[in-house]
């Protein structure tokens, strides 16, 4: 298996039964998954997008983490913010506006 260049993690805490529970899930994280994957593909980025359980930063959610850069983004709740983050990623940089840790 060829390792992807980037791995994007999206916090999407949920209950085992599938009911929305976590802050990120309730605030659109699940709705953004397909957009992130499609936008990465359209841009030609070599990315795998995965969901995670709670990343324990609910006050700053939805949370998105990009590895191997270890960029942690908060309040990623719109396609416009995702676009800005991916624009920076294409340049090999962090999007400082939404960065909560690096």
C-alpha atoms as a PDB file:
ATOM      1  CA  UNK A   1       0.000   0.000   0.000  1.00  0.00           C
ATOM      2  CA  UNK A   2       1.245   3.441  -0.906  1.00  0.00           C
ATOM      3  CA  UNK A   3       1.135   5.809   2.050  1.00  0.00           C
ATOM      4  CA  UNK A   4      -0.829   9.011   1.312  1.00  0.00           C
ATOM      5  CA  UNK A   5       0.949  12.343   1.564  1.00  0.00           C
ATOM      6  CA  UNK A   6      -1.632  13.679   4.042  1.00  0.00           C
ATOM      7  CA  UNK A   7      -4.114  12.218   6.496  1.00  0.00           C
ATOM      8  CA  UNK A   8      -6.971  14.504   7.498  1.00  0.00           C
ATOM      9  CA  UNK A   9      -8.763  13.617  10.713  1.00  0.00           C
ATOM     10  CA  UNK A  10     -12.174  15.123  11.414  1.00  0.00           C
ATOM     11  CA  UNK A  11     -13.534  14.923  14.939  1.00  0.00           C
ATOM     12  CA  UNK A  12     -16.981  13.385  14.739  1.00  0.00           C
ATOM     13  CA  UNK A  13     -17.884  12.053  18.179  1.00  0.00           C
ATOM     14  CA  UNK A  14     -21.048   9.948  18.107  1.00  0.00           C
ATOM     15  CA  UNK A  15     -22.843   7.304  20.122  1.00  0.00           C
ATOM     16  CA  UNK A  16     -22.493   3.630  19.326  1.00  0.00           C
ATOM     17  CA  UNK A  17     -26.145   3.627  18.225  1.00  0.00           C
ATOM     18  CA  UNK A  18     -25.255   6.319  15.699  1.00  0.00           C
ATOM     19  CA  UNK A  19     -27.107   9.188  17.378  1.00  0.00           C
ATOM     20  CA  UNK A  20     -25.334  12.541  17.262  1.00  0.00           C
ATOM     21  CA  UNK A  21     -23.723  13.295  20.596  1.00  0.00           C
ATOM     22  CA  UNK A  22     -20.520  15.282  20.354  1.00  0.00           C
ATOM     23  CA  UNK A  23     -20.169  18.992  19.753  1.00  0.00           C
ATOM     24  CA  UNK A  24     -18.324  18.541  16.449  1.00  0.00           C
ATOM     25  CA  UNK A  25     -20.933  16.126  15.127  1.00  0.00           C
ATOM     26  CA  UNK A  26     -23.796  18.414  16.119  1.00  0.00           C
ATOM     27  CA  UNK A  27     -22.051  21.361  14.479  1.00  0.00           C
ATOM     28  CA  UNK A  28     -21.582  19.952  10.999  1.00  0.00           C
ATOM     29  CA  UNK A  29     -18.458  17.784  11.055  1.00  0.00           C
ATOM     30  CA  UNK A  30     -20.260  14.863   9.410  1.00  0.00           C
ATOM     31  CA  UNK A  31     -21.714  17.120   6.728  1.00  0.00           C
ATOM     32  CA  UNK A  32     -18.234  18.367   5.782  1.00  0.00           C
ATOM     33  CA  UNK A  33     -16.597  14.953   5.301  1.00  0.00           C
ATOM     34  CA  UNK A  34     -17.699  14.448   1.715  1.00  0.00           C
ATOM     35  CA  UNK A  35     -16.856  18.042   0.818  1.00  0.00           C
ATOM     36  CA  UNK A  36     -13.326  17.681   2.222  1.00  0.00           C
ATOM     37  CA  UNK A  37     -12.726  14.411   0.354  1.00  0.00           C
ATOM     38  CA  UNK A  38     -14.106  15.736  -2.940  1.00  0.00           C
ATOM     39  CA  UNK A  39     -12.267  19.033  -2.674  1.00  0.00           C
ATOM     40  CA  UNK A  40      -8.971  17.239  -1.993  1.00  0.00           C
ATOM     41  CA  UNK A  41      -9.549  14.995  -5.021  1.00  0.00           C
ATOM     42  CA  UNK A  42     -10.426  18.000  -7.225  1.00  0.00           C
ATOM     43  CA  UNK A  43      -7.205  19.701  -6.140  1.00  0.00           C
ATOM     44  CA  UNK A  44      -5.137  16.582  -6.800  1.00  0.00           C
ATOM     45  CA  UNK A  45      -4.065  16.289  -3.170  1.00  0.00           C
ATOM     46  CA  UNK A  46      -2.950  12.822  -2.066  1.00  0.00           C
ATOM     47  CA  UNK A  47      -5.162  12.612   1.026  1.00  0.00           C
ATOM     48  CA  UNK A  48      -7.061  10.098   3.131  1.00  0.00           C
ATOM     49  CA  UNK A  49      -9.921  11.596   5.164  1.00  0.00           C
ATOM     50  CA  UNK A  50     -10.987   9.819   8.367  1.00  0.00           C
ATOM     51  CA  UNK A  51     -13.330  10.543  11.233  1.00  0.00           C
ATOM     52  CA  UNK A  52     -12.331  10.213  14.844  1.00  0.00           C
ATOM     53  CA  UNK A  53     -14.032   9.954  18.183  1.00  0.00           C
ATOM     54  CA  UNK A  54     -13.855  13.003  20.442  1.00  0.00           C
ATOM     55  CA  UNK A  55     -10.557  14.899  20.335  1.00  0.00           C
ATOM     56  CA  UNK A  56     -11.427  16.662  23.617  1.00  0.00           C
ATOM     57  CA  UNK A  57     -11.467  20.193  22.237  1.00  0.00           C
ATOM     58  CA  UNK A  58     -15.229  20.647  22.112  1.00  0.00           C
ATOM     59  CA  UNK A  59     -15.077  24.376  22.849  1.00  0.00           C
ATOM     60  CA  UNK A  60     -13.158  24.824  19.582  1.00  0.00           C
ATOM     61  CA  UNK A  61     -14.984  22.297  17.397  1.00  0.00           C
ATOM     62  CA  UNK A  62     -15.476  21.113  14.791  1.00  0.00           C
ATOM     63  CA  UNK A  63     -11.827  20.051  14.849  1.00  0.00           C
ATOM     64  CA  UNK A  64      -9.749  19.038  11.813  1.00  0.00           C
ATOM     65  CA  UNK A  65      -6.186  17.686  12.090  1.00  0.00           C
ATOM     66  CA  UNK A  66      -3.789  17.311   9.174  1.00  0.00           C
ATOM     67  CA  UNK A  67      -0.908  14.854   9.415  1.00  0.00           C
ATOM     68  CA  UNK A  68       2.027  14.538   9.006  1.00  0.00           C
ATOM     69  CA  UNK A  69       2.121  18.330   9.535  1.00  0.00           C
ATOM     70  CA  UNK A  70       0.315  18.007  12.889  1.00  0.00           C
ATOM     71  CA  UNK A  71      -1.786  21.083  12.109  1.00  0.00           C
ATOM     72  CA  UNK A  72      -4.836  21.314  14.414  1.00  0.00           C
ATOM     73  CA  UNK A  73      -7.678  23.536  13.217  1.00  0.00           C
ATOM     74  CA  UNK A  74     -10.692  24.687  15.193  1.00  0.00           C
ATOM     75  CA  UNK A  75     -14.165  25.923  14.313  1.00  0.00           C
ATOM     76  CA  UNK A  76     -14.006  24.251  10.893  1.00  0.00           C
ATOM     77  CA  UNK A  77     -17.717  24.671  10.284  1.00  0.00           C
ATOM     78  CA  UNK A  78     -18.038  25.880   6.692  1.00  0.00           C
ATOM     79  CA  UNK A  79     -16.898  25.081   3.173  1.00  0.00           C
ATOM     80  CA  UNK A  80     -15.226  28.507   2.999  1.00  0.00           C
ATOM     81  CA  UNK A  81     -13.000  27.675   5.984  1.00  0.00           C
ATOM     82  CA  UNK A  82     -12.189  24.260   4.534  1.00  0.00           C
ATOM     83  CA  UNK A  83     -11.206  25.930   1.255  1.00  0.00           C
ATOM     84  CA  UNK A  84      -8.876  28.334   3.063  1.00  0.00           C
ATOM     85  CA  UNK A  85      -7.243  25.459   4.959  1.00  0.00           C
ATOM     86  CA  UNK A  86      -6.797  23.409   1.776  1.00  0.00           C
ATOM     87  CA  UNK A  87      -5.469  26.459  -0.111  1.00  0.00           C
ATOM     88  CA  UNK A  88      -2.741  26.781   2.533  1.00  0.00           C
ATOM     89  CA  UNK A  89      -2.057  23.043   2.444  1.00  0.00           C
ATOM     90  CA  UNK A  90      -1.483  23.223  -1.313  1.00  0.00           C
ATOM     91  CA  UNK A  91       1.182  25.853  -0.574  1.00  0.00           C
ATOM     92  CA  UNK A  92       2.718  23.625   2.103  1.00  0.00           C
ATOM     93  CA  UNK A  93       1.688  26.054   4.827  1.00  0.00           C
ATOM     94  CA  UNK A  94      -0.699  26.245   7.741  1.00  0.00           C
ATOM     95  CA  UNK A  95      -3.815  28.410   7.584  1.00  0.00           C
ATOM     96  CA  UNK A  96      -2.971  30.617  10.559  1.00  0.00           C
ATOM     97  CA  UNK A  97      -6.499  31.997  10.978  1.00  0.00           C
ATOM     98  CA  UNK A  98      -7.993  28.675  12.168  1.00  0.00           C
ATOM     99  CA  UNK A  99      -4.860  27.044  13.594  1.00  0.00           C
ATOM    100  CA  UNK A 100      -5.244  26.113  17.264  1.00  0.00           C
ATOM    101  CA  UNK A 101      -2.004  24.122  17.571  1.00  0.00           C
ATOM    102  CA  UNK A 102       0.864  22.970  15.383  1.00  0.00           C
END
